[in-house]
Structure formats: structure tokens, C-alpha cells
């Protein structure tokens, strides 16, 4: 009878390790999906920031040349790119289900 109890303990240990392996695989799949989603968002944000960084200030707003020069030296184009990128990331994150819009 001891051999039967030992065999059942081995079967239980096998199923326990099988359940743990499946749970680990599901956890890894969730992490993989989150990683791929964030890499897509990263590509989109970098594309938007690259396209916006090519726009010089004097072409966007008709300013006097002195004001445009000071604005470009201070870093206003980079500021606009950073703020626009942050707004795009915020809107993207708010459109994910289970995240409340308007917060």
C-alpha cells in the first residue's frame, strides 16, 4: 500500500508543478504583451517627436527675426516637442481600458 501512496504523491507533485509552470507562462505572456505595447508606444512617440523637432519656430509663427532667434537659442522648439510628446503619452494612457478619462 505504501507504493500506491508514494505514486499518488508523485502524481500530485507533478500536477502541482504543472500548475506552477502554467502560471509562470501566463505571467510571462502578460509581461511580453506589456513590453510589446510599450515598445509600439515608444516608436510612435519617437516618430512624433522627430517629426515635430524638424519644424523651426519662424515657419510656424511669423515672429520678428530677433525674437525667433532668442526663442530657438533658449530651446523653445525642444520645449514644444517635450510638451506635445507628454500630451500624446497622457492621452494614449488614458485610452487604455480600466483607466478613467478626464483624470
C-alpha atoms as a PDB file:
ATOM      1  CA  UNK A   1       0.000   0.000   0.000  1.00  0.00           C
ATOM      2  CA  UNK A   2       2.962   2.307   0.536  1.00  0.00           C
ATOM      3  CA  UNK A   3       3.832   2.144  -3.155  1.00  0.00           C
ATOM      4  CA  UNK A   4       0.330   3.420  -4.006  1.00  0.00           C
ATOM      5  CA  UNK A   5       0.607   6.379  -1.618  1.00  0.00           C
ATOM      6  CA  UNK A   6       4.044   7.205  -2.996  1.00  0.00           C
ATOM      7  CA  UNK A   7       2.733   7.026  -6.575  1.00  0.00           C
ATOM      8  CA  UNK A   8      -0.181   9.325  -5.740  1.00  0.00           C
ATOM      9  CA  UNK A   9       2.174  11.784  -4.036  1.00  0.00           C
ATOM     10  CA  UNK A  10       4.294  11.836  -7.189  1.00  0.00           C
ATOM     11  CA  UNK A  11       1.190  12.423  -9.331  1.00  0.00           C
ATOM     12  CA  UNK A  12       0.116  15.267  -7.039  1.00  0.00           C
ATOM     13  CA  UNK A  13       3.611  16.778  -7.149  1.00  0.00           C
ATOM     14  CA  UNK A  14       3.561  16.533 -10.952  1.00  0.00           C
ATOM     15  CA  UNK A  15       0.212  18.334 -11.223  1.00  0.00           C
ATOM     16  CA  UNK A  16       1.320  20.954  -8.700  1.00  0.00           C
ATOM     17  CA  UNK A  17       4.463  21.666 -10.699  1.00  0.00           C
ATOM     18  CA  UNK A  18       2.364  21.709 -13.908  1.00  0.00           C
ATOM     19  CA  UNK A  19       0.041  24.341 -12.439  1.00  0.00           C
ATOM     20  CA  UNK A  20       3.007  26.439 -11.292  1.00  0.00           C
ATOM     21  CA  UNK A  21       4.566  26.196 -14.757  1.00  0.00           C
ATOM     22  CA  UNK A  22       1.326  27.293 -16.426  1.00  0.00           C
ATOM     23  CA  UNK A  23       1.009  30.241 -14.038  1.00  0.00           C
ATOM     24  CA  UNK A  24       4.603  31.269 -14.763  1.00  0.00           C
ATOM     25  CA  UNK A  25       3.931  31.044 -18.504  1.00  0.00           C
ATOM     26  CA  UNK A  26       0.818  33.222 -18.175  1.00  0.00           C
ATOM     27  CA  UNK A  27       2.757  35.779 -16.153  1.00  0.00           C
ATOM     28  CA  UNK A  28       5.493  35.822 -18.795  1.00  0.00           C
ATOM     29  CA  UNK A  29       2.904  36.296 -21.547  1.00  0.00           C
ATOM     30  CA  UNK A  30       1.380  39.274 -19.724  1.00  0.00           C
ATOM     31  CA  UNK A  31       4.833  40.815 -19.358  1.00  0.00           C
ATOM     32  CA  UNK A  32       5.566  40.131 -23.037  1.00  0.00           C
ATOM     33  CA  UNK A  33       2.332  41.807 -24.161  1.00  0.00           C
ATOM     34  CA  UNK A  34       3.006  44.825 -21.948  1.00  0.00           C
ATOM     35  CA  UNK A  35       6.569  45.058 -23.274  1.00  0.00           C
ATOM     36  CA  UNK A  36       5.425  44.926 -26.908  1.00  0.00           C
ATOM     37  CA  UNK A  37       2.698  47.512 -26.262  1.00  0.00           C
ATOM     38  CA  UNK A  38       5.168  49.881 -24.653  1.00  0.00           C
ATOM     39  CA  UNK A  39       7.662  49.382 -27.485  1.00  0.00           C
ATOM     40  CA  UNK A  40       4.948  50.336 -30.002  1.00  0.00           C
ATOM     41  CA  UNK A  41       4.113  53.429 -27.942  1.00  0.00           C
ATOM     42  CA  UNK A  42       7.830  54.248 -27.790  1.00  0.00           C
ATOM     43  CA  UNK A  43       8.136  54.055 -31.582  1.00  0.00           C
ATOM     44  CA  UNK A  44       5.051  56.243 -32.052  1.00  0.00           C
ATOM     45  CA  UNK A  45       6.223  58.851 -29.563  1.00  0.00           C
ATOM     46  CA  UNK A  46       9.731  58.970 -31.030  1.00  0.00           C
ATOM     47  CA  UNK A  47       8.260  59.356 -34.521  1.00  0.00           C
ATOM     48  CA  UNK A  48       6.053  62.236 -33.437  1.00  0.00           C
ATOM     49  CA  UNK A  49       8.899  63.908 -31.578  1.00  0.00           C
ATOM     50  CA  UNK A  50      11.231  63.516 -34.567  1.00  0.00           C
ATOM     51  CA  UNK A  51       8.675  64.993 -36.936  1.00  0.00           C
ATOM     52  CA  UNK A  52       7.983  67.925 -34.628  1.00  0.00           C
ATOM     53  CA  UNK A  53      11.639  68.691 -33.966  1.00  0.00           C
ATOM     54  CA  UNK A  54      12.176  69.447 -37.657  1.00  0.00           C
ATOM     55  CA  UNK A  55       9.740  72.385 -37.549  1.00  0.00           C
ATOM     56  CA  UNK A  56      11.603  75.656 -36.961  1.00  0.00           C
ATOM     57  CA  UNK A  57       9.834  78.365 -34.977  1.00  0.00           C
ATOM     58  CA  UNK A  58       9.915  81.135 -37.651  1.00  0.00           C
ATOM     59  CA  UNK A  59       7.965  78.930 -40.072  1.00  0.00           C
ATOM     60  CA  UNK A  60       5.248  78.176 -37.541  1.00  0.00           C
ATOM     61  CA  UNK A  61       4.673  81.653 -36.118  1.00  0.00           C
ATOM     62  CA  UNK A  62       5.561  84.845 -38.016  1.00  0.00           C
ATOM     63  CA  UNK A  63       7.800  86.438 -35.379  1.00  0.00           C
ATOM     64  CA  UNK A  64      10.476  89.064 -35.812  1.00  0.00           C
ATOM     65  CA  UNK A  65      13.852  87.521 -36.547  1.00  0.00           C
ATOM     66  CA  UNK A  66      15.368  88.614 -33.217  1.00  0.00           C
ATOM     67  CA  UNK A  67      12.574  87.045 -31.185  1.00  0.00           C
ATOM     68  CA  UNK A  68      12.733  83.859 -33.249  1.00  0.00           C
ATOM     69  CA  UNK A  69      16.493  83.645 -32.764  1.00  0.00           C
ATOM     70  CA  UNK A  70      16.228  84.087 -28.979  1.00  0.00           C
ATOM     71  CA  UNK A  71      13.415  81.527 -28.807  1.00  0.00           C
ATOM     72  CA  UNK A  72      15.439  78.976 -30.747  1.00  0.00           C
ATOM     73  CA  UNK A  73      18.547  79.633 -28.630  1.00  0.00           C
ATOM     74  CA  UNK A  74      16.597  79.251 -25.381  1.00  0.00           C
ATOM     75  CA  UNK A  75      15.148  75.919 -26.527  1.00  0.00           C
ATOM     76  CA  UNK A  76      11.516  76.666 -27.277  1.00  0.00           C
ATOM     77  CA  UNK A  77      11.334  74.069 -30.111  1.00  0.00           C
ATOM     78  CA  UNK A  78      12.551  71.347 -27.753  1.00  0.00           C
ATOM     79  CA  UNK A  79      10.055  72.516 -25.128  1.00  0.00           C
ATOM     80  CA  UNK A  80       7.201  72.257 -27.623  1.00  0.00           C
ATOM     81  CA  UNK A  81       8.319  68.748 -28.610  1.00  0.00           C
ATOM     82  CA  UNK A  82       8.538  67.600 -24.975  1.00  0.00           C
ATOM     83  CA  UNK A  83       5.119  69.020 -24.054  1.00  0.00           C
ATOM     84  CA  UNK A  84       3.496  67.567 -27.180  1.00  0.00           C
ATOM     85  CA  UNK A  85       5.065  64.179 -26.517  1.00  0.00           C
ATOM     86  CA  UNK A  86       3.859  64.254 -22.917  1.00  0.00           C
ATOM     87  CA  UNK A  87       0.333  65.109 -24.028  1.00  0.00           C
ATOM     88  CA  UNK A  88       0.347  62.269 -26.561  1.00  0.00           C
ATOM     89  CA  UNK A  89       1.552  59.798 -23.927  1.00  0.00           C
ATOM     90  CA  UNK A  90      -1.093  61.012 -21.471  1.00  0.00           C
ATOM     91  CA  UNK A  91      -3.924  60.660 -23.991  1.00  0.00           C
ATOM     92  CA  UNK A  92      -2.635  57.237 -25.056  1.00  0.00           C
ATOM     93  CA  UNK A  93      -2.504  56.014 -21.458  1.00  0.00           C
ATOM     94  CA  UNK A  94      -5.967  57.378 -20.719  1.00  0.00           C
ATOM     95  CA  UNK A  95      -7.436  55.493 -23.666  1.00  0.00           C
ATOM     96  CA  UNK A  96      -6.320  52.164 -22.202  1.00  0.00           C
ATOM     97  CA  UNK A  97      -9.323  50.305 -20.745  1.00  0.00           C
ATOM     98  CA  UNK A  98      -9.816  50.484 -16.989  1.00  0.00           C
ATOM     99  CA  UNK A  99      -8.167  53.916 -16.852  1.00  0.00           C
ATOM    100  CA  UNK A 100     -10.630  56.728 -16.283  1.00  0.00           C
ATOM    101  CA  UNK A 101     -10.731  59.513 -18.869  1.00  0.00           C
ATOM    102  CA  UNK A 102     -10.560  63.032 -17.545  1.00  0.00           C
ATOM    103  CA  UNK A 103      -8.230  62.409 -14.638  1.00  0.00           C
END
